[in-house]
Amino acid sequence: MGGNRVTSSRRNFIRKSVAAAGTLAISSLIEPINILVFATDPPKDGGPWWGVGIDISKCIGCGMCAKACKVENNVPQEPFYFRTWVEQYTVLNDGTIKVESPNGGIDGLKQSVDDEDIFKTFFVPKMCNHCAKSPCTQVCPVGATFESPDGVALVDETYCIGCSYCVQACPYGCRYLHPEKRTADKCTLCYHRIKEGLAPACMEICPTQARIYGDLNDKESELVKFLKDKNWQVLKPNMNTGSKLFYNALRAEVR
């Protein structure tokens, strides 16, 4: 799995890190820092560049996506480990925002607030954003976290040393340390499936087709059509991660 990535020795890593820190220190004196580091450039030969679209207006909070993900990818069953999950947002009449996701939404999400106190409520699926400028890739000291040539963020567990740097670096909370393997784990967009022309498990099972994936290089793909038709947004755009997870009907309350 790690054949297409670039690794470096610890010595090279330290040397490059020191050099980068010096460059940033100098540039910050001149202008605000604007880091444009791509873990993997989009393929120039017309190959696929995978992304994801989620339509919040279609999500019914059934949790079937999270359950299918655990089964397909052998994710630990404990309610602390998820590659994808669903959050229920409830905005109360007094402006208070309540976010709930018991067991990642696998058992379905039930409202815990009385109807008369609710201003609005909705569900938000979460998963890896498969960023083009992924912070997790940039902080990995051994090159275990990498991006495939077609833009999917992956982890080579044979190289991972379990330092958790990538877990901490992910601004979306999409990584965890596997309790048995002691290596980083996350959504792979069911890479083993999409390489065979199959949809990721969470998308195949979604009863409302609230989530889709597609090739951003293909103008006829469902994802590109989604981006043309929807008023999409990404989570935390200020982080400049190059997120390839696009949401329709994303509300200001979502974080």
Protein backbone atom coordinates (compact mmCIF):
# COMPACT_ATOMS: atom_id res chain seq x y z
CA MET A 1 0.00 0.00 0.00
CA GLY A 2 2.93 2.32 0.60
CA GLY A 3 4.56 1.83 -2.79
CA ASN A 4 3.37 5.16 -4.21
CA ARG A 5 4.36 7.36 -1.31
CA VAL A 6 7.57 9.19 -0.58
CA THR A 7 9.40 8.40 2.67
CA SER A 8 12.43 10.04 4.22
CA SER A 9 14.82 9.13 6.98
CA ARG A 10 14.44 10.67 10.39
CA ARG A 11 17.57 12.69 9.72
CA ASN A 12 16.13 14.13 6.51
CA PHE A 13 12.84 14.79 8.27
CA ILE A 14 14.52 16.79 11.03
CA ARG A 15 16.69 18.71 8.56
CA LYS A 16 13.70 19.58 6.38
CA SER A 17 11.60 20.53 9.40
CA VAL A 18 14.26 22.94 10.67
CA ALA A 19 14.64 24.46 7.21
CA ALA A 20 10.90 24.86 6.84
CA ALA A 21 10.62 26.47 10.26
CA GLY A 22 13.30 28.97 9.34
CA THR A 23 11.57 29.80 6.07
CA LEU A 24 8.25 30.32 7.82
CA ALA A 25 9.83 32.53 10.46
CA ILE A 26 11.32 34.80 7.80
CA SER A 27 8.22 34.87 5.61
CA SER A 28 5.97 35.68 8.55
CA LEU A 29 7.90 38.89 9.06
CA ILE A 30 7.09 39.91 5.51
CA GLU A 31 3.49 38.77 5.03
CA PRO A 32 0.88 36.48 6.61
CA ILE A 33 1.74 32.79 6.31
CA ASN A 34 0.03 31.07 3.39
CA ILE A 35 1.24 27.47 3.24
CA LEU A 36 0.52 25.79 -0.09
CA VAL A 37 1.84 22.29 0.52
CA PHE A 38 0.23 19.56 -1.56
CA ALA A 39 0.74 15.99 -0.34
CA THR A 40 -0.27 14.81 -3.80
CA ASP A 41 -0.86 16.95 -6.89
CA PRO A 42 -3.98 16.24 -8.97
CA PRO A 43 -3.06 13.80 -11.76
CA LYS A 44 -2.23 15.54 -15.01
CA ASP A 45 -2.90 12.52 -17.20
CA GLY A 46 -6.66 12.65 -16.68
CA GLY A 47 -6.71 10.02 -13.94
CA PRO A 48 -9.32 10.16 -11.16
CA TRP A 49 -9.12 12.70 -8.34
CA TRP A 50 -11.64 11.48 -5.79
CA GLY A 51 -13.91 13.68 -3.71
CA VAL A 52 -17.11 13.38 -1.68
CA GLY A 53 -20.43 15.20 -1.62
CA ILE A 54 -22.87 15.14 1.31
CA ASP A 55 -26.36 16.62 1.10
CA ILE A 56 -27.37 17.47 4.67
CA SER A 57 -30.92 18.16 3.57
CA LYS A 58 -31.28 14.47 2.65
CA CYS A 59 -29.78 12.92 5.80
CA ILE A 60 -32.41 11.31 8.05
CA GLY A 61 -30.03 10.32 10.85
CA CYS A 62 -30.59 6.57 10.47
CA GLY A 63 -26.92 5.76 11.13
CA MET A 64 -26.82 2.97 8.55
CA CYS A 65 -23.71 4.55 7.01
CA ALA A 66 -21.73 4.34 10.26
CA LYS A 67 -22.85 0.76 10.86
CA ALA A 68 -21.94 -0.35 7.33
CA CYS A 69 -18.54 1.29 7.67
CA LYS A 70 -17.72 -0.63 10.84
CA VAL A 71 -18.71 -3.93 9.28
CA GLU A 72 -16.92 -3.35 5.97
CA ASN A 73 -13.68 -2.09 7.47
CA ASN A 74 -13.47 -4.08 10.71
CA VAL A 75 -13.61 -0.93 12.83
CA PRO A 76 -13.56 -1.72 16.59
CA GLN A 77 -17.10 -2.06 17.94
CA GLU A 78 -16.50 0.08 21.00
CA PRO A 79 -18.45 3.38 20.82
CA PHE A 80 -15.24 5.42 20.66
CA TYR A 81 -13.93 4.42 17.24
CA PHE A 82 -15.45 5.55 13.95
CA ARG A 83 -14.37 6.15 10.39
CA THR A 84 -17.67 7.91 9.77
CA TRP A 85 -20.43 9.01 12.11
CA VAL A 86 -23.56 11.18 12.21
CA GLU A 87 -24.17 14.16 14.48
CA GLN A 88 -27.54 15.58 15.43
CA TYR A 89 -27.63 19.36 15.74
CA THR A 90 -30.45 20.93 17.74
CA VAL A 91 -30.78 24.70 17.96
CA LEU A 92 -32.98 25.69 20.90
CA ASN A 93 -35.26 28.70 20.98
CA ASP A 94 -32.80 30.50 23.29
CA GLY A 95 -30.01 30.07 20.74
CA THR A 96 -28.28 27.23 22.55
CA ILE A 97 -26.78 24.59 20.23
CA LYS A 98 -26.87 20.96 21.31
CA VAL A 99 -24.77 18.41 19.41
CA GLU A 100 -25.34 14.71 20.02
CA SER A 101 -23.92 11.57 18.45
CA PRO A 102 -24.44 8.60 20.79
CA ASN A 103 -22.46 5.62 19.48
CA GLY A 104 -21.76 7.60 16.32
CA GLY A 105 -25.43 7.46 15.37
CA ILE A 106 -25.23 3.74 14.59
CA ASP A 107 -28.39 3.00 16.55
CA GLY A 108 -30.26 5.91 14.98
CA LEU A 109 -30.60 9.36 16.49
CA LYS A 110 -33.52 10.25 18.74
CA GLN A 111 -34.37 13.75 19.85
CA SER A 112 -33.65 14.44 23.52
CA VAL A 113 -35.18 17.93 23.53
CA ASP A 114 -38.89 18.69 23.85
CA ASP A 115 -40.47 19.85 20.59
CA GLU A 116 -41.63 23.15 22.06
CA ASP A 117 -38.01 24.09 22.89
CA ILE A 118 -36.63 23.38 19.41
CA PHE A 119 -35.99 26.16 16.90
CA LYS A 120 -34.50 23.81 14.29
CA THR A 121 -32.75 20.47 14.09
CA PHE A 122 -30.80 18.56 11.44
CA PHE A 123 -28.25 15.75 10.94
CA VAL A 124 -24.66 16.06 9.73
CA PRO A 125 -22.61 13.05 8.57
CA LYS A 126 -18.88 13.38 9.27
CA MET A 127 -15.91 11.55 7.75
CA CYS A 128 -12.37 12.15 6.51
CA ASN A 129 -12.21 15.21 4.24
CA HIS A 130 -9.44 13.65 2.09
CA CYS A 131 -7.70 16.99 1.95
CA ALA A 132 -5.39 17.99 -0.88
CA LYS A 133 -3.21 19.80 1.67
CA SER A 134 -3.74 17.41 4.55
CA PRO A 135 -2.27 18.46 7.91
CA CYS A 136 -2.09 14.80 8.94
CA THR A 137 0.23 13.99 6.05
CA GLN A 138 2.47 16.93 6.79
CA VAL A 139 3.08 16.04 10.45
CA CYS A 140 3.72 12.30 10.07
CA PRO A 141 7.41 11.79 10.97
CA VAL A 142 7.80 8.48 9.12
CA GLY A 143 5.65 8.89 6.02
CA ALA A 144 3.05 6.36 7.17
CA THR A 145 0.23 8.79 6.45
CA PHE A 146 0.14 9.63 2.76
CA GLU A 147 -2.14 10.44 -0.15
CA SER A 148 -2.67 8.06 -3.01
CA PRO A 149 -2.04 9.34 -6.56
CA ASP A 150 -5.82 9.67 -6.97
CA GLY A 151 -6.25 11.84 -3.88
CA VAL A 152 -7.32 9.48 -1.10
CA ALA A 153 -5.72 9.94 2.33
CA LEU A 154 -4.43 6.60 3.58
CA VAL A 155 -2.31 5.08 6.35
CA ASP A 156 0.34 2.40 5.85
CA GLU A 157 0.16 0.60 9.18
CA THR A 158 3.42 -1.22 8.51
CA TYR A 159 5.21 2.13 8.82
CA CYS A 160 3.02 3.77 11.49
CA ILE A 161 4.71 4.11 14.88
CA GLY A 162 1.56 5.12 16.74
CA CYS A 163 2.80 8.58 17.72
CA SER A 164 -0.71 10.08 17.23
CA TYR A 165 0.66 13.25 15.63
CA CYS A 166 -1.78 12.83 12.75
CA VAL A 167 -4.68 12.26 15.14
CA GLN A 168 -3.93 15.56 16.82
CA ALA A 169 -3.29 17.40 13.56
CA CYS A 170 -6.62 16.53 11.90
CA PRO A 171 -8.87 19.60 12.32
CA TYR A 172 -11.97 17.48 11.71
CA GLY A 173 -11.42 14.82 14.38
CA CYS A 174 -11.48 12.03 11.80
CA ARG A 175 -8.64 9.84 13.09
CA TYR A 176 -8.11 7.54 16.04
CA LEU A 177 -5.45 5.18 17.32
CA HIS A 178 -6.53 1.57 16.84
CA PRO A 179 -6.81 0.01 20.33
CA GLU A 180 -5.23 -3.30 19.29
CA LYS A 181 -2.90 -2.43 16.43
CA ARG A 182 -1.78 0.82 18.08
CA THR A 183 -1.59 2.43 14.67
CA ALA A 184 -3.52 5.35 13.22
CA ASP A 185 -6.83 4.48 11.57
CA LYS A 186 -9.34 6.48 9.53
CA CYS A 187 -11.73 6.51 6.59
CA THR A 188 -10.08 5.25 3.41
CA LEU A 189 -13.10 6.02 1.22
CA CYS A 190 -13.28 2.21 1.04
CA TYR A 191 -10.28 2.38 -1.27
CA HIS A 192 -10.39 -1.38 -1.77
CA ARG A 193 -13.91 -0.97 -3.16
CA ILE A 194 -13.51 2.09 -5.38
CA LYS A 195 -10.46 0.51 -7.04
CA GLU A 196 -12.86 -2.24 -8.12
CA GLY A 197 -15.48 0.21 -9.34
CA LEU A 198 -17.69 -0.22 -6.26
CA ALA A 199 -19.10 2.59 -4.13
CA PRO A 200 -17.87 3.03 -0.55
CA ALA A 201 -19.99 0.99 1.88
CA CYS A 202 -21.48 4.04 3.60
CA MET A 203 -22.68 5.44 0.27
CA GLU A 204 -23.97 2.19 -1.14
CA ILE A 205 -26.23 1.65 1.88
CA CYS A 206 -27.54 5.22 2.34
CA PRO A 207 -31.33 5.02 1.79
CA THR A 208 -31.67 8.66 0.71
CA GLN A 209 -28.44 8.98 -1.30
CA ALA A 210 -27.35 11.77 1.01
CA ARG A 211 -23.71 11.06 0.26
CA ILE A 212 -21.92 10.44 -3.02
CA TYR A 213 -18.34 10.19 -4.24
CA GLY A 214 -16.90 10.94 -7.63
CA ASP A 215 -14.02 11.95 -9.84
CA LEU A 216 -13.42 15.69 -9.72
CA ASN A 217 -11.57 15.42 -13.04
CA ASP A 218 -14.63 13.98 -14.77
CA LYS A 219 -17.07 16.70 -15.82
CA GLU A 220 -19.81 14.10 -16.17
CA SER A 221 -19.37 12.55 -12.72
CA GLU A 222 -22.18 12.78 -10.19
CA LEU A 223 -19.92 14.73 -7.86
CA VAL A 224 -19.13 17.42 -10.43
CA LYS A 225 -22.85 17.70 -11.20
CA PHE A 226 -23.45 18.02 -7.44
CA LEU A 227 -20.96 20.89 -7.25
CA LYS A 228 -22.60 22.63 -10.20
CA ASP A 229 -26.14 22.30 -8.87
CA LYS A 230 -25.68 22.80 -5.13
CA ASN A 231 -24.70 25.73 -2.98
CA TRP A 232 -21.87 23.74 -1.40
CA GLN A 233 -19.41 24.58 1.34
CA VAL A 234 -16.54 22.82 3.12
CA LEU A 235 -15.95 22.57 6.84
CA LYS A 236 -13.47 25.02 8.38
CA PRO A 237 -12.41 26.70 5.11
CA ASN A 238 -10.08 28.96 7.10
CA MET A 239 -7.85 25.95 7.74
CA ASN A 240 -6.87 25.94 4.03
CA THR A 241 -6.68 22.14 3.95
CA GLY A 242 -7.95 21.74 0.41
CA SER A 243 -10.86 19.67 1.68
CA LYS A 244 -12.48 17.45 -0.93
CA LEU A 245 -15.60 16.84 1.19
CA PHE A 246 -18.32 19.17 -0.07
CA TYR A 247 -21.55 19.79 1.87
CA ASN A 248 -24.87 21.01 0.56
CA ALA A 249 -27.10 22.85 3.07
CA LEU A 250 -24.26 23.28 5.57
CA ARG A 251 -25.49 25.44 8.44
CA ALA A 252 -23.56 28.07 10.36
CA GLU A 253 -23.97 26.05 13.57
CA VAL A 254 -21.89 23.14 12.25
CA ARG A 255 -18.31 22.95 13.45
